[in-house]
Amino acid sequence: MPTDNTSKHNDGITNVKAWLTPILMSILGIMIWQDIMEMRDDVKELIKRDSATQIRIFELEKDIELIQKQLYIGNSRITLPKSDKDEND
């Protein structure tokens, strides 16, 4: 008789494992899927921000080049007034 009771107990554990394992695997799969989707959305957002930042940097570089050209042209046109020392000499 004890062997019969032990086999029923083992069958019960096997049955519990049979329905518990797929449920746990499904829950784990859903959690992993949600994490992957969240990471994908975060990466998309970061790519958008990086793109916007790169555009701003490009525009600022163009502005700096324009300002440098204007300063160079402006400086080449400027004639410095003679100093007082030159007039006194």
N, C-alpha and C. Protein backbone atom coordinates (compact mmCIF):
# COMPACT_ATOMS: atom_id res chain seq x y z
N MET A 1 0.78 -1.21 0.00
CA MET A 1 0.00 0.00 0.00
C MET A 1 0.83 1.28 0.00
N PRO A 2 1.92 1.35 0.75
CA PRO A 2 2.67 2.59 0.73
C PRO A 2 3.17 2.95 -0.67
N THR A 3 3.47 1.95 -1.47
CA THR A 3 3.93 2.25 -2.83
C THR A 3 2.81 2.87 -3.65
N ASP A 4 1.61 2.43 -3.43
CA ASP A 4 0.47 2.98 -4.16
C ASP A 4 0.25 4.45 -3.78
N ASN A 5 0.39 4.78 -2.49
CA ASN A 5 0.24 6.16 -2.01
C ASN A 5 1.35 7.06 -2.57
N THR A 6 2.56 6.53 -2.62
CA THR A 6 3.69 7.29 -3.14
C THR A 6 3.52 7.56 -4.63
N SER A 7 3.04 6.59 -5.36
CA SER A 7 2.84 6.79 -6.81
C SER A 7 1.73 7.80 -7.07
N LYS A 8 0.69 7.82 -6.22
CA LYS A 8 -0.37 8.83 -6.36
C LYS A 8 0.19 10.22 -6.07
N HIS A 9 1.04 10.30 -5.06
CA HIS A 9 1.66 11.58 -4.70
C HIS A 9 2.55 12.08 -5.85
N ASN A 10 3.33 11.16 -6.42
CA ASN A 10 4.19 11.52 -7.55
C ASN A 10 3.37 11.92 -8.78
N ASP A 11 2.25 11.22 -8.99
CA ASP A 11 1.37 11.57 -10.11
C ASP A 11 0.77 12.96 -9.89
N GLY A 12 0.43 13.27 -8.64
CA GLY A 12 -0.12 14.60 -8.33
C GLY A 12 0.90 15.69 -8.60
N ILE A 13 2.14 15.45 -8.19
CA ILE A 13 3.21 16.44 -8.44
C ILE A 13 3.43 16.59 -9.93
N THR A 14 3.42 15.48 -10.65
CA THR A 14 3.61 15.52 -12.09
C THR A 14 2.49 16.30 -12.76
N ASN A 15 1.26 16.11 -12.30
CA ASN A 15 0.12 16.85 -12.86
C ASN A 15 0.24 18.35 -12.59
N VAL A 16 0.66 18.69 -11.37
CA VAL A 16 0.83 20.10 -11.03
C VAL A 16 1.93 20.71 -11.90
N LYS A 17 3.01 20.00 -12.07
CA LYS A 17 4.10 20.48 -12.92
C LYS A 17 3.62 20.64 -14.36
N ALA A 18 2.77 19.74 -14.80
CA ALA A 18 2.30 19.75 -16.19
C ALA A 18 1.49 21.00 -16.50
N TRP A 19 0.68 21.49 -15.56
CA TRP A 19 -0.10 22.70 -15.86
C TRP A 19 0.57 23.97 -15.33
N LEU A 20 1.44 23.85 -14.33
CA LEU A 20 2.10 25.02 -13.76
C LEU A 20 3.24 25.52 -14.66
N THR A 21 3.97 24.62 -15.24
CA THR A 21 5.11 25.00 -16.07
C THR A 21 4.69 25.86 -17.27
N PRO A 22 3.70 25.50 -18.05
CA PRO A 22 3.30 26.36 -19.18
C PRO A 22 2.79 27.73 -18.73
N ILE A 23 2.10 27.75 -17.59
CA ILE A 23 1.59 29.03 -17.09
C ILE A 23 2.76 29.93 -16.70
N LEU A 24 3.72 29.38 -15.97
CA LEU A 24 4.88 30.18 -15.57
C LEU A 24 5.70 30.63 -16.77
N MET A 25 5.86 29.74 -17.74
CA MET A 25 6.60 30.10 -18.95
C MET A 25 5.88 31.20 -19.73
N SER A 26 4.56 31.14 -19.77
CA SER A 26 3.79 32.17 -20.46
C SER A 26 3.93 33.52 -19.76
N ILE A 27 3.83 33.50 -18.44
CA ILE A 27 3.99 34.75 -17.67
C ILE A 27 5.39 35.32 -17.89
N LEU A 28 6.39 34.48 -17.83
CA LEU A 28 7.76 34.92 -18.05
C LEU A 28 7.93 35.48 -19.46
N GLY A 29 7.35 34.81 -20.44
CA GLY A 29 7.43 35.28 -21.83
C GLY A 29 6.76 36.63 -22.01
N ILE A 30 5.61 36.82 -21.37
CA ILE A 30 4.90 38.10 -21.45
C ILE A 30 5.73 39.21 -20.81
N MET A 31 6.34 38.92 -19.68
CA MET A 31 7.16 39.93 -19.01
C MET A 31 8.37 40.31 -19.86
N ILE A 32 9.01 39.31 -20.44
CA ILE A 32 10.17 39.58 -21.31
C ILE A 32 9.74 40.37 -22.54
N TRP A 33 8.60 40.02 -23.13
CA TRP A 33 8.08 40.73 -24.31
C TRP A 33 7.81 42.20 -23.98
N GLN A 34 7.21 42.46 -22.82
CA GLN A 34 6.93 43.84 -22.42
C GLN A 34 8.22 44.62 -22.23
N ASP A 35 9.22 44.00 -21.63
CA ASP A 35 10.52 44.66 -21.45
C ASP A 35 11.17 44.97 -22.79
N ILE A 36 11.08 44.04 -23.71
CA ILE A 36 11.66 44.26 -25.04
C ILE A 36 10.95 45.40 -25.75
N MET A 37 9.63 45.44 -25.67
CA MET A 37 8.88 46.52 -26.31
C MET A 37 9.22 47.88 -25.68
N GLU A 38 9.38 47.91 -24.37
CA GLU A 38 9.75 49.15 -23.69
C GLU A 38 11.15 49.61 -24.11
N MET A 39 12.07 48.66 -24.21
CA MET A 39 13.43 49.02 -24.65
C MET A 39 13.42 49.52 -26.09
N ARG A 40 12.61 48.88 -26.93
CA ARG A 40 12.51 49.31 -28.33
C ARG A 40 11.98 50.74 -28.42
N ASP A 41 10.96 51.04 -27.63
CA ASP A 41 10.41 52.40 -27.62
C ASP A 41 11.44 53.40 -27.10
N ASP A 42 12.20 53.02 -26.08
CA ASP A 42 13.25 53.90 -25.55
C ASP A 42 14.33 54.16 -26.59
N VAL A 43 14.71 53.13 -27.32
CA VAL A 43 15.73 53.29 -28.35
C VAL A 43 15.22 54.22 -29.46
N LYS A 44 13.96 54.06 -29.85
CA LYS A 44 13.39 54.95 -30.86
C LYS A 44 13.41 56.40 -30.39
N GLU A 45 13.04 56.62 -29.13
CA GLU A 45 13.04 57.97 -28.58
C GLU A 45 14.45 58.55 -28.55
N LEU A 46 15.42 57.74 -28.15
CA LEU A 46 16.81 58.21 -28.13
C LEU A 46 17.32 58.52 -29.53
N ILE A 47 16.93 57.74 -30.50
CA ILE A 47 17.34 58.01 -31.88
C ILE A 47 16.75 59.32 -32.36
N LYS A 48 15.48 59.58 -32.02
CA LYS A 48 14.86 60.85 -32.40
C LYS A 48 15.59 62.02 -31.74
N ARG A 49 15.89 61.89 -30.47
CA ARG A 49 16.60 62.96 -29.76
C ARG A 49 17.99 63.18 -30.35
N ASP A 50 18.68 62.09 -30.67
CA ASP A 50 20.02 62.20 -31.24
C ASP A 50 19.97 62.88 -32.59
N SER A 51 18.96 62.54 -33.38
CA SER A 51 18.80 63.16 -34.69
C SER A 51 18.56 64.66 -34.54
N ALA A 52 17.70 65.03 -33.61
CA ALA A 52 17.43 66.45 -33.38
C ALA A 52 18.68 67.17 -32.90
N THR A 53 19.44 66.53 -32.04
CA THR A 53 20.68 67.12 -31.54
C THR A 53 21.69 67.29 -32.66
N GLN A 54 21.80 66.30 -33.53
CA GLN A 54 22.73 66.39 -34.65
C GLN A 54 22.33 67.53 -35.59
N ILE A 55 21.04 67.71 -35.80
CA ILE A 55 20.57 68.81 -36.64
C ILE A 55 20.94 70.14 -36.01
N ARG A 56 20.74 70.27 -34.70
CA ARG A 56 21.11 71.51 -34.00
C ARG A 56 22.60 71.77 -34.11
N ILE A 57 23.40 70.75 -33.93
CA ILE A 57 24.85 70.91 -34.02
C ILE A 57 25.23 71.36 -35.43
N PHE A 58 24.64 70.76 -36.43
CA PHE A 58 24.93 71.14 -37.81
C PHE A 58 24.57 72.60 -38.06
N GLU A 59 23.40 73.02 -37.58
CA GLU A 59 22.98 74.41 -37.75
C GLU A 59 23.91 75.36 -37.02
N LEU A 60 24.33 75.00 -35.82
CA LEU A 60 25.25 75.85 -35.06
C LEU A 60 26.61 75.95 -35.75
N GLU A 61 27.07 74.85 -36.32
CA GLU A 61 28.34 74.88 -37.05
C GLU A 61 28.24 75.81 -38.25
N LYS A 62 27.11 75.77 -38.96
CA LYS A 62 26.92 76.68 -40.09
C LYS A 62 26.90 78.12 -39.62
N ASP A 63 26.23 78.39 -38.49
CA ASP A 63 26.19 79.75 -37.94
C ASP A 63 27.58 80.23 -37.56
N ILE A 64 28.37 79.37 -36.96
CA ILE A 64 29.73 79.74 -36.55
C ILE A 64 30.58 80.06 -37.78
N GLU A 65 30.46 79.24 -38.81
CA GLU A 65 31.22 79.50 -40.04
C GLU A 65 30.81 80.84 -40.64
N LEU A 66 29.53 81.13 -40.65
CA LEU A 66 29.04 82.40 -41.19
C LEU A 66 29.58 83.57 -40.37
N ILE A 67 29.54 83.45 -39.07
CA ILE A 67 30.05 84.51 -38.19
C ILE A 67 31.55 84.69 -38.39
N GLN A 68 32.27 83.59 -38.51
CA GLN A 68 33.72 83.69 -38.74
C GLN A 68 34.01 84.38 -40.06
N LYS A 69 33.25 84.06 -41.10
CA LYS A 69 33.45 84.72 -42.39
C LYS A 69 33.16 86.21 -42.27
N GLN A 70 32.07 86.56 -41.57
CA GLN A 70 31.73 87.97 -41.42
C GLN A 70 32.79 88.70 -40.62
N LEU A 71 33.32 88.07 -39.59
CA LEU A 71 34.37 88.71 -38.81
C LEU A 71 35.64 88.87 -39.64
N TYR A 72 35.96 87.87 -40.44
CA TYR A 72 37.15 87.96 -41.27
C TYR A 72 37.00 89.08 -42.29
N ILE A 73 35.85 89.13 -42.95
CA ILE A 73 35.60 90.19 -43.94
C ILE A 73 35.58 91.54 -43.25
N GLY A 74 34.91 91.60 -42.10
CA GLY A 74 34.84 92.87 -41.36
C GLY A 74 36.20 93.33 -40.89
N ASN A 75 37.02 92.42 -40.42
CA ASN A 75 38.36 92.78 -39.94
C ASN A 75 39.26 93.21 -41.09
N SER A 76 39.08 92.65 -42.25
CA SER A 76 39.93 93.04 -43.37
C SER A 76 39.58 94.43 -43.87
N ARG A 77 38.38 94.91 -43.61
CA ARG A 77 37.96 96.25 -44.03
C ARG A 77 38.30 97.31 -43.00
N ILE A 78 38.49 96.91 -41.78
CA ILE A 78 38.74 97.89 -40.72
C ILE A 78 40.16 98.41 -40.82
N THR A 79 40.28 99.72 -40.78
CA THR A 79 41.61 100.32 -40.69
C THR A 79 41.71 100.93 -39.30
N LEU A 80 42.74 100.57 -38.63
CA LEU A 80 42.91 101.06 -37.27
C LEU A 80 43.37 102.51 -37.29
N PRO A 81 42.83 103.30 -36.40
CA PRO A 81 43.26 104.71 -36.35
C PRO A 81 44.71 104.79 -35.88
N LYS A 82 45.37 105.83 -36.32
CA LYS A 82 46.76 106.01 -35.89
C LYS A 82 46.77 106.34 -34.42
N SER A 83 47.74 105.81 -33.75
CA SER A 83 47.84 106.08 -32.32
C SER A 83 48.44 107.46 -32.09
N ASP A 84 48.29 107.99 -30.90
CA ASP A 84 48.83 109.30 -30.55
C ASP A 84 50.35 109.31 -30.61
N LYS A 85 50.97 108.19 -30.36
CA LYS A 85 52.43 108.11 -30.39
C LYS A 85 52.95 108.36 -31.80
N ASP A 86 52.26 107.81 -32.78
CA ASP A 86 52.69 108.01 -34.15
C ASP A 86 52.62 109.49 -34.57
N GLU A 87 51.60 110.19 -34.09
CA GLU A 87 51.45 111.60 -34.43
C GLU A 87 52.52 112.45 -33.73
N ASN A 88 52.91 112.08 -32.53
CA ASN A 88 53.88 112.85 -31.78
C ASN A 88 55.30 112.60 -32.26
N ASP A 89 55.56 111.51 -32.90
CA ASP A 89 56.93 111.20 -33.34
C ASP A 89 57.35 112.01 -34.48
